[in-house]
Amino acid sequence: MHIDNIQSAENGNLKCNNYTVEEQAIINILKTNSATTQEEIAKQINKSLRTVKTYMAEMKKKGLIKRKNGKKNGEWQVNE
C-alpha cells in the first residue's frame, strides 16, 4: 500500500480506498474463507469480539458485506 493512498478519517481510523484498515482486513479474511466466524476474525485482527461485531454491522449498513443462509450455517458475502 502506498502512503498517499492513506487518509485520516474523522473518527481517527485510517482509510484506504474508501475502507478503514480494519474493514479492509475483515474483507481480506472473508475473501479467503467466507465461513470464518466473527470470533476467528477478532483473533486474526487482534480486536475484541464486540469491536468486530460493531465493524461488521457498519459494513453491512454500508453494503460492503452481507450474510447468506442464516447465522448458524451461513457464509459472508463480500460486495465490492
PDB file of N, CA and C in Angstrom:
ATOM      1  N   MET A   1       0.836  -1.156   0.000  1.00  0.00           N
ATOM      2  CA  MET A   1       0.000   0.000   0.000  1.00  0.00           C
ATOM      3  C   MET A   1       0.893   1.234   0.000  1.00  0.00           C
ATOM      4  N   HIS A   2       0.551   2.190  -0.822  1.00  0.00           N
ATOM      5  CA  HIS A   2       1.305   3.432  -0.885  1.00  0.00           C
ATOM      6  C   HIS A   2       0.787   4.400   0.172  1.00  0.00           C
ATOM      7  N   ILE A   3       1.691   5.155   0.730  1.00  0.00           N
ATOM      8  CA  ILE A   3       1.316   6.085   1.799  1.00  0.00           C
ATOM      9  C   ILE A   3       0.358   7.155   1.318  1.00  0.00           C
ATOM     10  N   ASP A   4       0.403   7.539   0.045  1.00  0.00           N
ATOM     11  CA  ASP A   4      -0.507   8.571  -0.423  1.00  0.00           C
ATOM     12  C   ASP A   4      -1.926   8.050  -0.626  1.00  0.00           C
ATOM     13  N   ASN A   5      -2.132   6.744  -0.535  1.00  0.00           N
ATOM     14  CA  ASN A   5      -3.478   6.179  -0.609  1.00  0.00           C
ATOM     15  C   ASN A   5      -4.162   6.161   0.751  1.00  0.00           C
ATOM     16  N   ILE A   6      -3.442   6.533   1.798  1.00  0.00           N
ATOM     17  CA  ILE A   6      -3.985   6.506   3.151  1.00  0.00           C
ATOM     18  C   ILE A   6      -4.395   7.909   3.554  1.00  0.00           C
ATOM     19  N   GLN A   7      -5.601   8.019   4.071  1.00  0.00           N
ATOM     20  CA  GLN A   7      -6.105   9.306   4.540  1.00  0.00           C
ATOM     21  C   GLN A   7      -6.596   9.126   5.965  1.00  0.00           C
ATOM     22  N   SER A   8      -6.544  10.177   6.730  1.00  0.00           N
ATOM     23  CA  SER A   8      -7.051  10.128   8.097  1.00  0.00           C
ATOM     24  C   SER A   8      -8.566  10.321   8.066  1.00  0.00           C
ATOM     25  N   ALA A   9      -9.258   9.454   8.736  1.00  0.00           N
ATOM     26  CA  ALA A   9     -10.712   9.556   8.816  1.00  0.00           C
ATOM     27  C   ALA A   9     -11.093  10.426  10.009  1.00  0.00           C
ATOM     28  N   GLU A  10     -12.343  10.878  10.026  1.00  0.00           N
ATOM     29  CA  GLU A  10     -12.813  11.749  11.097  1.00  0.00           C
ATOM     30  C   GLU A  10     -12.741  11.074  12.456  1.00  0.00           C
ATOM     31  N   ASN A  11     -12.986   9.761  12.507  1.00  0.00           N
ATOM     32  CA  ASN A  11     -13.004   9.067  13.787  1.00  0.00           C
ATOM     33  C   ASN A  11     -11.624   8.565  14.211  1.00  0.00           C
ATOM     34  N   GLY A  12     -10.586   8.897  13.480  1.00  0.00           N
ATOM     35  CA  GLY A  12      -9.236   8.519  13.865  1.00  0.00           C
ATOM     36  C   GLY A  12      -8.732   7.249  13.211  1.00  0.00           C
ATOM     37  N   ASN A  13      -9.609   6.475  12.565  1.00  0.00           N
ATOM     38  CA  ASN A  13      -9.160   5.282  11.858  1.00  0.00           C
ATOM     39  C   ASN A  13      -8.559   5.679  10.519  1.00  0.00           C
ATOM     40  N   LEU A  14      -7.580   4.932  10.079  1.00  0.00           N
ATOM     41  CA  LEU A  14      -7.001   5.189   8.768  1.00  0.00           C
ATOM     42  C   LEU A  14      -7.921   4.644   7.701  1.00  0.00           C
ATOM     43  N   LYS A  15      -7.974   5.328   6.562  1.00  0.00           N
ATOM     44  CA  LYS A  15      -8.795   4.857   5.442  1.00  0.00           C
ATOM     45  C   LYS A  15      -7.906   4.561   4.256  1.00  0.00           C
ATOM     46  N   CYS A  16      -8.262   3.535   3.522  1.00  0.00           N
ATOM     47  CA  CYS A  16      -7.551   3.156   2.313  1.00  0.00           C
ATOM     48  C   CYS A  16      -8.597   2.748   1.291  1.00  0.00           C
ATOM     49  N   ASN A  17      -8.647   3.432   0.163  1.00  0.00           N
ATOM     50  CA  ASN A  17      -9.612   3.113  -0.888  1.00  0.00           C
ATOM     51  C   ASN A  17     -11.045   3.036  -0.358  1.00  0.00           C
ATOM     52  N   ASN A  18     -11.456   4.025   0.420  1.00  0.00           N
ATOM     53  CA  ASN A  18     -12.802   4.138   0.972  1.00  0.00           C
ATOM     54  C   ASN A  18     -13.131   3.121   2.059  1.00  0.00           C
ATOM     55  N   TYR A  19     -12.184   2.328   2.512  1.00  0.00           N
ATOM     56  CA  TYR A  19     -12.376   1.401   3.616  1.00  0.00           C
ATOM     57  C   TYR A  19     -11.409   1.791   4.722  1.00  0.00           C
ATOM     58  N   THR A  20     -11.810   1.545   5.977  1.00  0.00           N
ATOM     59  CA  THR A  20     -10.837   1.681   7.051  1.00  0.00           C
ATOM     60  C   THR A  20      -9.883   0.492   6.951  1.00  0.00           C
ATOM     61  N   VAL A  21      -8.760   0.589   7.607  1.00  0.00           N
ATOM     62  CA  VAL A  21      -7.794  -0.515   7.602  1.00  0.00           C
ATOM     63  C   VAL A  21      -8.439  -1.764   8.204  1.00  0.00           C
ATOM     64  N   GLU A  22      -9.237  -1.577   9.238  1.00  0.00           N
ATOM     65  CA  GLU A  22      -9.910  -2.715   9.870  1.00  0.00           C
ATOM     66  C   GLU A  22     -10.918  -3.361   8.919  1.00  0.00           C
ATOM     67  N   GLU A  23     -11.679  -2.530   8.204  1.00  0.00           N
ATOM     68  CA  GLU A  23     -12.639  -3.067   7.237  1.00  0.00           C
ATOM     69  C   GLU A  23     -11.919  -3.838   6.136  1.00  0.00           C
ATOM     70  N   GLN A  24     -10.813  -3.308   5.673  1.00  0.00           N
ATOM     71  CA  GLN A  24     -10.056  -3.998   4.623  1.00  0.00           C
ATOM     72  C   GLN A  24      -9.521  -5.335   5.134  1.00  0.00           C
ATOM     73  N   ALA A  25      -9.066  -5.368   6.387  1.00  0.00           N
ATOM     74  CA  ALA A  25      -8.574  -6.613   6.972  1.00  0.00           C
ATOM     75  C   ALA A  25      -9.702  -7.650   7.046  1.00  0.00           C
ATOM     76  N   ILE A  26     -10.889  -7.220   7.456  1.00  0.00           N
ATOM     77  CA  ILE A  26     -12.032  -8.131   7.534  1.00  0.00           C
ATOM     78  C   ILE A  26     -12.411  -8.630   6.146  1.00  0.00           C
ATOM     79  N   ILE A  27     -12.432  -7.749   5.163  1.00  0.00           N
ATOM     80  CA  ILE A  27     -12.746  -8.140   3.788  1.00  0.00           C
ATOM     81  C   ILE A  27     -11.742  -9.168   3.280  1.00  0.00           C
ATOM     82  N   ASN A  28     -10.461  -8.942   3.540  1.00  0.00           N
ATOM     83  CA  ASN A  28      -9.432  -9.893   3.096  1.00  0.00           C
ATOM     84  C   ASN A  28      -9.631 -11.261   3.735  1.00  0.00           C
ATOM     85  N   ILE A  29      -9.970 -11.294   5.014  1.00  0.00           N
ATOM     86  CA  ILE A  29     -10.218 -12.567   5.702  1.00  0.00           C
ATOM     87  C   ILE A  29     -11.423 -13.272   5.092  1.00  0.00           C
ATOM     88  N   LEU A  30     -12.495 -12.528   4.848  1.00  0.00           N
ATOM     89  CA  LEU A  30     -13.711 -13.132   4.301  1.00  0.00           C
ATOM     90  C   LEU A  30     -13.525 -13.609   2.868  1.00  0.00           C
ATOM     91  N   LYS A  31     -12.673 -12.936   2.110  1.00  0.00           N
ATOM     92  CA  LYS A  31     -12.389 -13.397   0.743  1.00  0.00           C
ATOM     93  C   LYS A  31     -11.646 -14.735   0.778  1.00  0.00           C
ATOM     94  N   THR A  32     -10.819 -14.911   1.777  1.00  0.00           N
ATOM     95  CA  THR A  32     -10.060 -16.160   1.925  1.00  0.00           C
ATOM     96  C   THR A  32     -10.970 -17.299   2.368  1.00  0.00           C
ATOM     97  N   ASN A  33     -11.859 -17.000   3.338  1.00  0.00           N
ATOM     98  CA  ASN A  33     -12.769 -18.028   3.857  1.00  0.00           C
ATOM     99  C   ASN A  33     -14.077 -17.365   4.263  1.00  0.00           C
ATOM    100  N   SER A  34     -15.092 -17.515   3.439  1.00  0.00           N
ATOM    101  CA  SER A  34     -16.363 -16.829   3.681  1.00  0.00           C
ATOM    102  C   SER A  34     -17.119 -17.399   4.879  1.00  0.00           C
ATOM    103  N   ALA A  35     -16.715 -18.559   5.378  1.00  0.00           N
ATOM    104  CA  ALA A  35     -17.375 -19.165   6.532  1.00  0.00           C
ATOM    105  C   ALA A  35     -16.677 -18.811   7.850  1.00  0.00           C
ATOM    106  N   THR A  36     -15.711 -17.908   7.813  1.00  0.00           N
ATOM    107  CA  THR A  36     -14.988 -17.505   9.012  1.00  0.00           C
ATOM    108  C   THR A  36     -15.954 -16.871  10.012  1.00  0.00           C
ATOM    109  N   THR A  37     -15.810 -17.241  11.290  1.00  0.00           N
ATOM    110  CA  THR A  37     -16.674 -16.669  12.322  1.00  0.00           C
ATOM    111  C   THR A  37     -16.125 -15.324  12.789  1.00  0.00           C
ATOM    112  N   GLN A  38     -16.984 -14.559  13.425  1.00  0.00           N
ATOM    113  CA  GLN A  38     -16.559 -13.277  13.964  1.00  0.00           C
ATOM    114  C   GLN A  38     -15.512 -13.469  15.061  1.00  0.00           C
ATOM    115  N   GLU A  39     -15.593 -14.542  15.809  1.00  0.00           N
ATOM    116  CA  GLU A  39     -14.585 -14.839  16.834  1.00  0.00           C
ATOM    117  C   GLU A  39     -13.217 -15.057  16.199  1.00  0.00           C
ATOM    118  N   GLU A  40     -13.192 -15.802  15.097  1.00  0.00           N
ATOM    119  CA  GLU A  40     -11.920 -16.045  14.394  1.00  0.00           C
ATOM    120  C   GLU A  40     -11.361 -14.746  13.824  1.00  0.00           C
ATOM    121  N   ILE A  41     -12.232 -13.910  13.279  1.00  0.00           N
ATOM    122  CA  ILE A  41     -11.798 -12.615  12.736  1.00  0.00           C
ATOM    123  C   ILE A  41     -11.191 -11.767  13.849  1.00  0.00           C
ATOM    124  N   ALA A  42     -11.851 -11.738  15.001  1.00  0.00           N
ATOM    125  CA  ALA A  42     -11.360 -10.951  16.142  1.00  0.00           C
ATOM    126  C   ALA A  42      -9.943 -11.375  16.526  1.00  0.00           C
ATOM    127  N   LYS A  43      -9.705 -12.671  16.565  1.00  0.00           N
ATOM    128  CA  LYS A  43      -8.363 -13.172  16.902  1.00  0.00           C
ATOM    129  C   LYS A  43      -7.345 -12.769  15.836  1.00  0.00           C
ATOM    130  N   GLN A  44      -7.738 -12.869  14.575  1.00  0.00           N
ATOM    131  CA  GLN A  44      -6.804 -12.578  13.485  1.00  0.00           C
ATOM    132  C   GLN A  44      -6.420 -11.113  13.405  1.00  0.00           C
ATOM    133  N   ILE A  45      -7.353 -10.212  13.717  1.00  0.00           N
ATOM    134  CA  ILE A  45      -7.031  -8.780  13.622  1.00  0.00           C
ATOM    135  C   ILE A  45      -6.734  -8.166  14.990  1.00  0.00           C
ATOM    136  N   ASN A  46      -6.698  -9.022  16.007  1.00  0.00           N
ATOM    137  CA  ASN A  46      -6.321  -8.597  17.358  1.00  0.00           C
ATOM    138  C   ASN A  46      -7.256  -7.517  17.911  1.00  0.00           C
ATOM    139  N   LYS A  47      -8.548  -7.748  17.748  1.00  0.00           N
ATOM    140  CA  LYS A  47      -9.581  -6.860  18.284  1.00  0.00           C
ATOM    141  C   LYS A  47     -10.549  -7.710  19.106  1.00  0.00           C
ATOM    142  N   SER A  48     -11.346  -7.060  19.934  1.00  0.00           N
ATOM    143  CA  SER A  48     -12.338  -7.796  20.720  1.00  0.00           C
ATOM    144  C   SER A  48     -13.484  -8.253  19.812  1.00  0.00           C
ATOM    145  N   LEU A  49     -14.197  -9.283  20.260  1.00  0.00           N
ATOM    146  CA  LEU A  49     -15.356  -9.772  19.515  1.00  0.00           C
ATOM    147  C   LEU A  49     -16.394  -8.664  19.368  1.00  0.00           C
ATOM    148  N   ARG A  50     -16.621  -7.906  20.427  1.00  0.00           N
ATOM    149  CA  ARG A  50     -17.596  -6.811  20.375  1.00  0.00           C
ATOM    150  C   ARG A  50     -17.209  -5.785  19.309  1.00  0.00           C
ATOM    151  N   THR A  51     -15.920  -5.457  19.220  1.00  0.00           N
ATOM    152  CA  THR A  51     -15.438  -4.496  18.221  1.00  0.00           C
ATOM    153  C   THR A  51     -15.669  -5.025  16.812  1.00  0.00           C
ATOM    154  N   VAL A  52     -15.370  -6.298  16.592  1.00  0.00           N
ATOM    155  CA  VAL A  52     -15.563  -6.906  15.271  1.00  0.00           C
ATOM    156  C   VAL A  52     -17.048  -6.908  14.911  1.00  0.00           C
ATOM    157  N   LYS A  53     -17.912  -7.222  15.873  1.00  0.00           N
ATOM    158  CA  LYS A  53     -19.354  -7.200  15.597  1.00  0.00           C
ATOM    159  C   LYS A  53     -19.799  -5.794  15.202  1.00  0.00           C
ATOM    160  N   THR A  54     -19.257  -4.783  15.869  1.00  0.00           N
ATOM    161  CA  THR A  54     -19.590  -3.396  15.539  1.00  0.00           C
ATOM    162  C   THR A  54     -19.111  -3.049  14.133  1.00  0.00           C
ATOM    163  N   TYR A  55     -17.856  -3.390  13.820  1.00  0.00           N
ATOM    164  CA  TYR A  55     -17.319  -3.130  12.473  1.00  0.00           C
ATOM    165  C   TYR A  55     -18.185  -3.796  11.415  1.00  0.00           C
ATOM    166  N   MET A  56     -18.526  -5.066  11.645  1.00  0.00           N
ATOM    167  CA  MET A  56     -19.258  -5.812  10.628  1.00  0.00           C
ATOM    168  C   MET A  56     -20.699  -5.314  10.487  1.00  0.00           C
ATOM    169  N   ALA A  57     -21.299  -4.853  11.571  1.00  0.00           N
ATOM    170  CA  ALA A  57     -22.642  -4.265  11.477  1.00  0.00           C
ATOM    171  C   ALA A  57     -22.596  -3.003  10.618  1.00  0.00           C
ATOM    172  N   GLU A  58     -21.568  -2.188  10.819  1.00  0.00           N
ATOM    173  CA  GLU A  58     -21.395  -0.982   9.993  1.00  0.00           C
ATOM    174  C   GLU A  58     -21.132  -1.354   8.533  1.00  0.00           C
ATOM    175  N   MET A  59     -20.338  -2.394   8.327  1.00  0.00           N
ATOM    176  CA  MET A  59     -20.033  -2.839   6.971  1.00  0.00           C
ATOM    177  C   MET A  59     -21.294  -3.334   6.271  1.00  0.00           C
ATOM    178  N   LYS A  60     -22.179  -4.003   7.015  1.00  0.00           N
ATOM    179  CA  LYS A  60     -23.452  -4.444   6.433  1.00  0.00           C
ATOM    180  C   LYS A  60     -24.305  -3.238   6.050  1.00  0.00           C
ATOM    181  N   LYS A  61     -24.344  -2.215   6.917  1.00  0.00           N
ATOM    182  CA  LYS A  61     -25.106  -0.999   6.608  1.00  0.00           C
ATOM    183  C   LYS A  61     -24.584  -0.312   5.354  1.00  0.00           C
ATOM    184  N   LYS A  62     -23.263  -0.321   5.184  1.00  0.00           N
ATOM    185  CA  LYS A  62     -22.635   0.309   4.017  1.00  0.00           C
ATOM    186  C   LYS A  62     -22.790  -0.545   2.759  1.00  0.00           C
ATOM    187  N   GLY A  63     -23.238  -1.794   2.930  1.00  0.00           N
ATOM    188  CA  GLY A  63     -23.393  -2.690   1.789  1.00  0.00           C
ATOM    189  C   GLY A  63     -22.105  -3.369   1.363  1.00  0.00           C
ATOM    190  N   LEU A  64     -21.094  -3.360   2.227  1.00  0.00           N
ATOM    191  CA  LEU A  64     -19.813  -3.989   1.887  1.00  0.00           C
ATOM    192  C   LEU A  64     -19.875  -5.504   2.016  1.00  0.00           C
ATOM    193  N   ILE A  65     -20.649  -5.989   2.993  1.00  0.00           N
ATOM    194  CA  ILE A  65     -20.789  -7.427   3.217  1.00  0.00           C
ATOM    195  C   ILE A  65     -22.245  -7.747   3.504  1.00  0.00           C
ATOM    196  N   LYS A  66     -22.601  -9.019   3.348  1.00  0.00           N
ATOM    197  CA  LYS A  66     -23.910  -9.485   3.786  1.00  0.00           C
ATOM    198  C   LYS A  66     -23.805 -10.955   4.157  1.00  0.00           C
ATOM    199  N   ARG A  67     -24.758 -11.402   4.937  1.00  0.00           N
ATOM    200  CA  ARG A  67     -24.784 -12.777   5.415  1.00  0.00           C
ATOM    201  C   ARG A  67     -25.747 -13.577   4.555  1.00  0.00           C
ATOM    202  N   LYS A  68     -25.296 -14.748   4.089  1.00  0.00           N
ATOM    203  CA  LYS A  68     -26.127 -15.646   3.292  1.00  0.00           C
ATOM    204  C   LYS A  68     -26.434 -16.894   4.110  1.00  0.00           C
ATOM    205  N   ASN A  69     -27.634 -17.398   4.006  1.00  0.00           N
ATOM    206  CA  ASN A  69     -28.042 -18.684   4.579  1.00  0.00           C
ATOM    207  C   ASN A  69     -28.041 -18.735   6.099  1.00  0.00           C
ATOM    208  N   GLY A  70     -28.322 -17.649   6.754  1.00  0.00           N
ATOM    209  CA  GLY A  70     -28.537 -17.666   8.195  1.00  0.00           C
ATOM    210  C   GLY A  70     -27.297 -17.582   9.058  1.00  0.00           C
ATOM    211  N   LYS A  71     -27.538 -17.481  10.363  1.00  0.00           N
ATOM    212  CA  LYS A  71     -26.455 -17.280  11.318  1.00  0.00           C
ATOM    213  C   LYS A  71     -25.623 -18.531  11.558  1.00  0.00           C
ATOM    214  N   LYS A  72     -26.274 -19.670  11.709  1.00  0.00           N
ATOM    215  CA  LYS A  72     -25.558 -20.872  12.130  1.00  0.00           C
ATOM    216  C   LYS A  72     -24.757 -21.519  11.006  1.00  0.00           C
ATOM    217  N   ASN A  73     -25.359 -21.717   9.874  1.00  0.00           N
ATOM    218  CA  ASN A  73     -24.693 -22.430   8.775  1.00  0.00           C
ATOM    219  C   ASN A  73     -24.384 -21.527   7.590  1.00  0.00           C
ATOM    220  N   GLY A  74     -24.454 -20.231   7.797  1.00  0.00           N
ATOM    221  CA  GLY A  74     -24.295 -19.296   6.692  1.00  0.00           C
ATOM    222  C   GLY A  74     -22.855 -18.928   6.384  1.00  0.00           C
ATOM    223  N   GLU A  75     -22.718 -18.052   5.405  1.00  0.00           N
ATOM    224  CA  GLU A  75     -21.422 -17.549   4.970  1.00  0.00           C
ATOM    225  C   GLU A  75     -21.538 -16.046   4.769  1.00  0.00           C
ATOM    226  N   TRP A  76     -20.415 -15.392   4.778  1.00  0.00           N
ATOM    227  CA  TRP A  76     -20.352 -13.967   4.490  1.00  0.00           C
ATOM    228  C   TRP A  76     -20.090 -13.761   3.007  1.00  0.00           C
ATOM    229  N   GLN A  77     -20.739 -12.788   2.441  1.00  0.00           N
ATOM    230  CA  GLN A  77     -20.530 -12.438   1.044  1.00  0.00           C
ATOM    231  C   GLN A  77     -19.976 -11.017   0.994  1.00  0.00           C
ATOM    232  N   VAL A  78     -18.848 -10.852   0.291  1.00  0.00           N
ATOM    233  CA  VAL A  78     -18.225  -9.526   0.137  1.00  0.00           C
ATOM    234  C   VAL A  78     -18.800  -8.903  -1.117  1.00  0.00           C
ATOM    235  N   ASN A  79     -19.319  -7.685  -0.983  1.00  0.00           N
ATOM    236  CA  ASN A  79     -19.913  -6.948  -2.104  1.00  0.00           C
ATOM    237  C   ASN A  79     -18.981  -5.802  -2.500  1.00  0.00           C
ATOM    238  N   GLU A  80     -18.115  -6.046  -3.436  1.00  0.00           N
ATOM    239  CA  GLU A  80     -17.204  -4.964  -3.842  1.00  0.00           C
ATOM    240  C   GLU A  80     -17.588  -4.395  -5.165  1.00  0.00           C
TER     241      GLU A  80
END
